[in-house]
Amino acid sequence: MMHNSDSLAAEFQRLQVRPDSGSAPPVLSLFTVDVSGNAAEYEQRLRSVLSPAVRLGATADFEQESLPVDDVPAWFAAVGSGHEERVPQFARAGREGYVAHTRGGRPWETQDWLYRFDPDEDSRGWEWWDATPVGPSRVHIWVDSWGESFFGCQELLWAAYAAGAVRVDGPTLQKSTVWSAEAGPAR
């Protein structure tokens, strides 16, 4: 998947404001996420992690040795770095869930994770579409994968787990009408 400044700007906008149903592509990829706490708080944490990464994708010089992390939540930067004293319980449990989900995969260091949002990096096979709470402890994450059922999404899984996921299933392709029925009006 190729990302450019226009697509990153649109993706960033969708992280800030739920898109209207008329703008959806024909199909979206769905991840079903179970969380240990409140679904709305989880959604807010996930958006707070992805927003600065997508913004950097549109603005940062990826030729630099390191990217600015000022806007990345401190808890997210800490969860992959081993600074346990700064990692909240939801992120610790999420890190353990990610390791189990990936069968021993290592937690992502913040810089490595941010570099996946380089528009010239073709391994990120998705763009954020929306997240919809569908119960007190369940969230649906919707991404645009250009209709592909199999795509690179490890950076999304890491963010989903680090934000407090207990379990992540998917992706599965769904008609966008499923999302629009769930999402309701734009907020």
C-alpha atoms as a PDB file:
ATOM      1  CA  MET A   1       0.000   0.000   0.000  1.00  0.00           C
ATOM      2  CA  MET A   2       1.304   3.396  -0.934  1.00  0.00           C
ATOM      3  CA  HIS A   3       0.709   6.343   1.358  1.00  0.00           C
ATOM      4  CA  ASN A   4       1.121   9.990   0.366  1.00  0.00           C
ATOM      5  CA  SER A   5       0.613  13.371   2.003  1.00  0.00           C
ATOM      6  CA  ASP A   6      -3.039  13.551   0.918  1.00  0.00           C
ATOM      7  CA  SER A   7      -3.913  10.058   2.140  1.00  0.00           C
ATOM      8  CA  LEU A   8      -2.082  10.666   5.425  1.00  0.00           C
ATOM      9  CA  ALA A   9      -3.945  13.957   5.940  1.00  0.00           C
ATOM     10  CA  ALA A  10      -7.262  12.177   5.341  1.00  0.00           C
ATOM     11  CA  GLU A  11      -6.245   9.359   7.688  1.00  0.00           C
ATOM     12  CA  PHE A  12      -5.277  11.882  10.374  1.00  0.00           C
ATOM     13  CA  GLN A  13      -8.652  13.583   9.977  1.00  0.00           C
ATOM     14  CA  ARG A  14     -10.432  10.235  10.473  1.00  0.00           C
ATOM     15  CA  LEU A  15      -8.493   9.756  13.705  1.00  0.00           C
ATOM     16  CA  GLN A  16      -9.861  13.094  14.934  1.00  0.00           C
ATOM     17  CA  VAL A  17     -13.447  12.908  13.652  1.00  0.00           C
ATOM     18  CA  ARG A  18     -15.543   9.905  12.648  1.00  0.00           C
ATOM     19  CA  PRO A  19     -15.936   9.963   8.851  1.00  0.00           C
ATOM     20  CA  ASP A  20     -19.365  10.146   7.276  1.00  0.00           C
ATOM     21  CA  SER A  21     -20.769   6.951   5.814  1.00  0.00           C
ATOM     22  CA  GLY A  22     -20.751   8.290   2.264  1.00  0.00           C
ATOM     23  CA  SER A  23     -16.960   8.518   2.250  1.00  0.00           C
ATOM     24  CA  ALA A  24     -16.346   4.836   3.009  1.00  0.00           C
ATOM     25  CA  PRO A  25     -14.800   2.499   0.458  1.00  0.00           C
ATOM     26  CA  PRO A  26     -16.903  -0.536  -0.557  1.00  0.00           C
ATOM     27  CA  VAL A  27     -15.178  -2.819   1.984  1.00  0.00           C
ATOM     28  CA  LEU A  28     -13.258  -2.303   5.202  1.00  0.00           C
ATOM     29  CA  SER A  29     -11.160  -4.654   7.297  1.00  0.00           C
ATOM     30  CA  LEU A  30     -12.428  -5.330  10.795  1.00  0.00           C
ATOM     31  CA  PHE A  31     -10.476  -6.198  13.936  1.00  0.00           C
ATOM     32  CA  THR A  32     -12.526  -7.223  16.973  1.00  0.00           C
ATOM     33  CA  VAL A  33     -10.832  -6.154  20.192  1.00  0.00           C
ATOM     34  CA  ASP A  34     -11.701  -7.232  23.716  1.00  0.00           C
ATOM     35  CA  VAL A  35     -10.441  -4.880  26.421  1.00  0.00           C
ATOM     36  CA  SER A  36     -10.188  -5.263  30.178  1.00  0.00           C
ATOM     37  CA  GLY A  37     -11.560  -1.810  30.929  1.00  0.00           C
ATOM     38  CA  ASN A  38     -13.919   0.704  29.409  1.00  0.00           C
ATOM     39  CA  ALA A  39     -14.269   0.508  25.612  1.00  0.00           C
ATOM     40  CA  ALA A  40     -14.514   4.294  25.151  1.00  0.00           C
ATOM     41  CA  GLU A  41     -11.336   4.890  27.183  1.00  0.00           C
ATOM     42  CA  TYR A  42      -9.559   2.232  25.142  1.00  0.00           C
ATOM     43  CA  GLU A  43     -10.631   3.880  21.893  1.00  0.00           C
ATOM     44  CA  GLN A  44      -9.331   7.236  23.127  1.00  0.00           C
ATOM     45  CA  ARG A  45      -5.944   5.713  24.080  1.00  0.00           C
ATOM     46  CA  LEU A  46      -5.610   3.993  20.711  1.00  0.00           C
ATOM     47  CA  ARG A  47      -6.397   7.195  18.818  1.00  0.00           C
ATOM     48  CA  SER A  48      -3.909   9.098  21.026  1.00  0.00           C
ATOM     49  CA  VAL A  49      -1.149   6.724  19.911  1.00  0.00           C
ATOM     50  CA  LEU A  50      -1.992   6.544  16.217  1.00  0.00           C
ATOM     51  CA  SER A  51      -2.648  10.271  15.709  1.00  0.00           C
ATOM     52  CA  PRO A  52       0.936  11.479  16.268  1.00  0.00           C
ATOM     53  CA  ALA A  53       2.316   8.590  14.209  1.00  0.00           C
ATOM     54  CA  VAL A  54       0.112   9.404  11.220  1.00  0.00           C
ATOM     55  CA  ARG A  55       0.889  13.123  11.604  1.00  0.00           C
ATOM     56  CA  LEU A  56       4.610  12.300  11.552  1.00  0.00           C
ATOM     57  CA  GLY A  57       4.014  10.255   8.418  1.00  0.00           C
ATOM     58  CA  ALA A  58       2.870  13.429   6.701  1.00  0.00           C
ATOM     59  CA  THR A  59       5.425  15.837   8.169  1.00  0.00           C
ATOM     60  CA  ALA A  60       8.604  14.130   9.401  1.00  0.00           C
ATOM     61  CA  ASP A  61      11.926  13.740   7.648  1.00  0.00           C
ATOM     62  CA  PHE A  62      12.348   9.972   7.737  1.00  0.00           C
ATOM     63  CA  GLU A  63      15.978  10.306   6.626  1.00  0.00           C
ATOM     64  CA  GLN A  64      16.801  11.439  10.174  1.00  0.00           C
ATOM     65  CA  GLU A  65      18.222   8.944  12.630  1.00  0.00           C
ATOM     66  CA  SER A  66      15.362   9.480  15.059  1.00  0.00           C
ATOM     67  CA  LEU A  67      11.897  10.967  14.916  1.00  0.00           C
ATOM     68  CA  PRO A  68      10.377  13.410  17.412  1.00  0.00           C
ATOM     69  CA  VAL A  69       8.365  11.686  20.108  1.00  0.00           C
ATOM     70  CA  ASP A  70       6.990  14.733  21.945  1.00  0.00           C
ATOM     71  CA  ASP A  71       3.380  13.962  20.975  1.00  0.00           C
ATOM     72  CA  VAL A  72       3.576  10.207  21.583  1.00  0.00           C
ATOM     73  CA  PRO A  73       1.953   9.335  24.928  1.00  0.00           C
ATOM     74  CA  ALA A  74       4.647   8.681  27.546  1.00  0.00           C
ATOM     75  CA  TRP A  75       3.057   5.371  28.557  1.00  0.00           C
ATOM     76  CA  PHE A  76       3.267   4.138  24.946  1.00  0.00           C
ATOM     77  CA  ALA A  77       6.928   5.105  24.627  1.00  0.00           C
ATOM     78  CA  ALA A  78       7.651   3.368  27.938  1.00  0.00           C
ATOM     79  CA  VAL A  79       5.844   0.078  27.217  1.00  0.00           C
ATOM     80  CA  GLY A  80       8.335  -0.968  24.544  1.00  0.00           C
ATOM     81  CA  SER A  81      11.409   0.458  26.256  1.00  0.00           C
ATOM     82  CA  GLY A  82      11.473  -1.528  29.472  1.00  0.00           C
ATOM     83  CA  HIS A  83      10.899   1.502  31.742  1.00  0.00           C
ATOM     84  CA  GLU A  84       8.444  -0.447  33.885  1.00  0.00           C
ATOM     85  CA  GLU A  85       7.860   2.304  36.430  1.00  0.00           C
ATOM     86  CA  ARG A  86       6.154   4.424  33.732  1.00  0.00           C
ATOM     87  CA  VAL A  87       4.015   1.655  32.215  1.00  0.00           C
ATOM     88  CA  PRO A  88       0.376   1.500  33.365  1.00  0.00           C
ATOM     89  CA  GLN A  89      -1.151  -1.902  34.036  1.00  0.00           C
ATOM     90  CA  PHE A  90      -3.322  -1.876  30.884  1.00  0.00           C
ATOM     91  CA  ALA A  91      -0.200  -1.430  28.734  1.00  0.00           C
ATOM     92  CA  ARG A  92       1.763  -4.119  30.603  1.00  0.00           C
ATOM     93  CA  ALA A  93      -1.056  -6.599  30.102  1.00  0.00           C
ATOM     94  CA  GLY A  94      -1.341  -5.524  26.472  1.00  0.00           C
ATOM     95  CA  ARG A  95       2.378  -6.068  25.916  1.00  0.00           C
ATOM     96  CA  GLU A  96       2.030  -9.593  27.300  1.00  0.00           C
ATOM     97  CA  GLY A  97      -1.006 -10.135  25.067  1.00  0.00           C
ATOM     98  CA  TYR A  98       0.945  -8.998  22.010  1.00  0.00           C
ATOM     99  CA  VAL A  99       3.827 -11.364  22.806  1.00  0.00           C
ATOM    100  CA  ALA A 100       1.346 -14.243  23.173  1.00  0.00           C
ATOM    101  CA  HIS A 101      -0.580 -13.263  20.017  1.00  0.00           C
ATOM    102  CA  THR A 102       2.619 -13.163  17.961  1.00  0.00           C
ATOM    103  CA  ARG A 103       3.946 -16.322  19.627  1.00  0.00           C
ATOM    104  CA  GLY A 104       6.980 -14.685  21.164  1.00  0.00           C
ATOM    105  CA  GLY A 105       7.237 -11.500  19.120  1.00  0.00           C
ATOM    106  CA  ARG A 106       9.130  -8.712  20.797  1.00  0.00           C
ATOM    107  CA  PRO A 107       7.547  -5.464  21.922  1.00  0.00           C
ATOM    108  CA  TRP A 108       8.186  -2.607  19.511  1.00  0.00           C
ATOM    109  CA  GLU A 109      10.584   0.186  20.376  1.00  0.00           C
ATOM    110  CA  THR A 110       8.953   3.546  19.719  1.00  0.00           C
ATOM    111  CA  GLN A 111      11.342   4.666  16.970  1.00  0.00           C
ATOM    112  CA  ASP A 112      11.019   1.380  15.067  1.00  0.00           C
ATOM    113  CA  TRP A 113       7.249   1.612  15.341  1.00  0.00           C
ATOM    114  CA  LEU A 114       7.126   5.241  14.168  1.00  0.00           C
ATOM    115  CA  TYR A 115       9.254   4.485  11.110  1.00  0.00           C
ATOM    116  CA  ARG A 116       6.476   2.174   9.866  1.00  0.00           C
ATOM    117  CA  PHE A 117       4.470   5.349   9.175  1.00  0.00           C
ATOM    118  CA  ASP A 118       7.033   6.591   6.636  1.00  0.00           C
ATOM    119  CA  PRO A 119       5.006   7.101   3.432  1.00  0.00           C
ATOM    120  CA  ASP A 120       7.808   5.409   1.480  1.00  0.00           C
ATOM    121  CA  GLU A 121       7.612   2.313   3.706  1.00  0.00           C
ATOM    122  CA  ASP A 122       5.329  -0.151   1.952  1.00  0.00           C
ATOM    123  CA  SER A 123       4.904  -2.680   4.770  1.00  0.00           C
ATOM    124  CA  ARG A 124       1.990  -0.812   6.407  1.00  0.00           C
ATOM    125  CA  GLY A 125      -0.887  -2.203   4.387  1.00  0.00           C
ATOM    126  CA  TRP A 126      -3.710  -0.252   5.999  1.00  0.00           C
ATOM    127  CA  GLU A 127      -5.094   3.177   6.769  1.00  0.00           C
ATOM    128  CA  TRP A 128      -7.142   4.005   9.837  1.00  0.00           C
ATOM    129  CA  TRP A 129     -10.851   4.291   9.210  1.00  0.00           C
ATOM    130  CA  ASP A 130     -12.624   4.262  12.582  1.00  0.00           C
ATOM    131  CA  ALA A 131     -13.180   2.515  15.897  1.00  0.00           C
ATOM    132  CA  THR A 132     -16.616   1.721  17.252  1.00  0.00           C
ATOM    133  CA  PRO A 133     -17.360   0.557  20.795  1.00  0.00           C
ATOM    134  CA  VAL A 134     -19.764  -2.388  20.464  1.00  0.00           C
ATOM    135  CA  GLY A 135     -20.120  -3.268  24.122  1.00  0.00           C
ATOM    136  CA  PRO A 136     -18.729  -2.270  27.490  1.00  0.00           C
ATOM    137  CA  SER A 137     -15.465  -4.146  26.821  1.00  0.00           C
ATOM    138  CA  ARG A 138     -15.407  -4.639  23.050  1.00  0.00           C
ATOM    139  CA  VAL A 139     -14.262  -2.345  20.251  1.00  0.00           C
ATOM    140  CA  HIS A 140     -14.271  -2.799  16.500  1.00  0.00           C
ATOM    141  CA  ILE A 141     -11.266  -1.297  14.737  1.00  0.00           C
ATOM    142  CA  TRP A 142     -11.971  -0.525  11.089  1.00  0.00           C
ATOM    143  CA  VAL A 143      -9.172   0.007   8.573  1.00  0.00           C
ATOM    144  CA  ASP A 144      -9.001   0.490   4.844  1.00  0.00           C
ATOM    145  CA  SER A 145      -6.847  -2.278   3.371  1.00  0.00           C
ATOM    146  CA  TRP A 146      -7.863  -1.622  -0.246  1.00  0.00           C
ATOM    147  CA  GLY A 147     -10.000  -4.738  -0.165  1.00  0.00           C
ATOM    148  CA  GLU A 148      -7.113  -7.029   0.742  1.00  0.00           C
ATOM    149  CA  SER A 149      -7.812  -9.726   3.309  1.00  0.00           C
ATOM    150  CA  PHE A 150      -4.124 -10.263   4.101  1.00  0.00           C
ATOM    151  CA  PHE A 151      -1.927  -7.219   4.690  1.00  0.00           C
ATOM    152  CA  GLY A 152       0.899  -5.941   6.871  1.00  0.00           C
ATOM    153  CA  CYS A 153      -0.532  -4.770  10.184  1.00  0.00           C
ATOM    154  CA  GLN A 154       1.938  -5.656  12.961  1.00  0.00           C
ATOM    155  CA  GLU A 155       2.306  -1.997  13.932  1.00  0.00           C
ATOM    156  CA  LEU A 156      -1.481  -1.759  14.313  1.00  0.00           C
ATOM    157  CA  LEU A 157      -1.575  -4.932  16.415  1.00  0.00           C
ATOM    158  CA  TRP A 158       1.171  -3.539  18.655  1.00  0.00           C
ATOM    159  CA  ALA A 159      -0.747  -0.279  19.152  1.00  0.00           C
ATOM    160  CA  ALA A 160      -4.003  -2.159  19.763  1.00  0.00           C
ATOM    161  CA  TYR A 161      -2.478  -4.384  22.420  1.00  0.00           C
ATOM    162  CA  ALA A 162      -0.376  -1.656  24.052  1.00  0.00           C
ATOM    163  CA  ALA A 163      -3.495   0.514  24.393  1.00  0.00           C
ATOM    164  CA  GLY A 164      -5.057  -2.235  26.513  1.00  0.00           C
ATOM    165  CA  ALA A 165      -6.372  -5.022  24.308  1.00  0.00           C
ATOM    166  CA  VAL A 166      -6.820  -8.402  25.948  1.00  0.00           C
ATOM    167  CA  ARG A 167      -7.559 -10.122  22.652  1.00  0.00           C
ATOM    168  CA  VAL A 168      -7.528  -9.054  18.994  1.00  0.00           C
ATOM    169  CA  ASP A 169      -9.252 -11.090  16.285  1.00  0.00           C
ATOM    170  CA  GLY A 170      -9.073 -10.344  12.600  1.00  0.00           C
ATOM    171  CA  PRO A 171      -8.810  -8.906  10.157  1.00  0.00           C
ATOM    172  CA  THR A 172     -11.947  -9.884   8.296  1.00  0.00           C
ATOM    173  CA  LEU A 173     -13.329  -8.064   5.277  1.00  0.00           C
ATOM    174  CA  GLN A 174     -16.733  -6.479   5.770  1.00  0.00           C
ATOM    175  CA  LYS A 175     -18.928  -4.370   3.556  1.00  0.00           C
ATOM    176  CA  SER A 176     -18.665  -0.762   4.649  1.00  0.00           C
ATOM    177  CA  THR A 177     -22.402  -0.749   5.326  1.00  0.00           C
ATOM    178  CA  VAL A 178     -21.651  -2.892   8.397  1.00  0.00           C
ATOM    179  CA  TRP A 179     -19.363  -0.134   9.701  1.00  0.00           C
ATOM    180  CA  SER A 180     -21.792   2.675   8.865  1.00  0.00           C
ATOM    181  CA  ALA A 181     -24.659   0.887  10.652  1.00  0.00           C
ATOM    182  CA  GLU A 182     -22.458   0.483  13.716  1.00  0.00           C
ATOM    183  CA  ALA A 183     -20.937   3.955  13.632  1.00  0.00           C
ATOM    184  CA  GLY A 184     -24.085   6.014  13.369  1.00  0.00           C
ATOM    185  CA  PRO A 185     -23.729   9.709  12.499  1.00  0.00           C
ATOM    186  CA  ALA A 186     -20.363  11.459  12.271  1.00  0.00           C
ATOM    187  CA  ARG A 187     -19.296  13.010  15.548  1.00  0.00           C
END
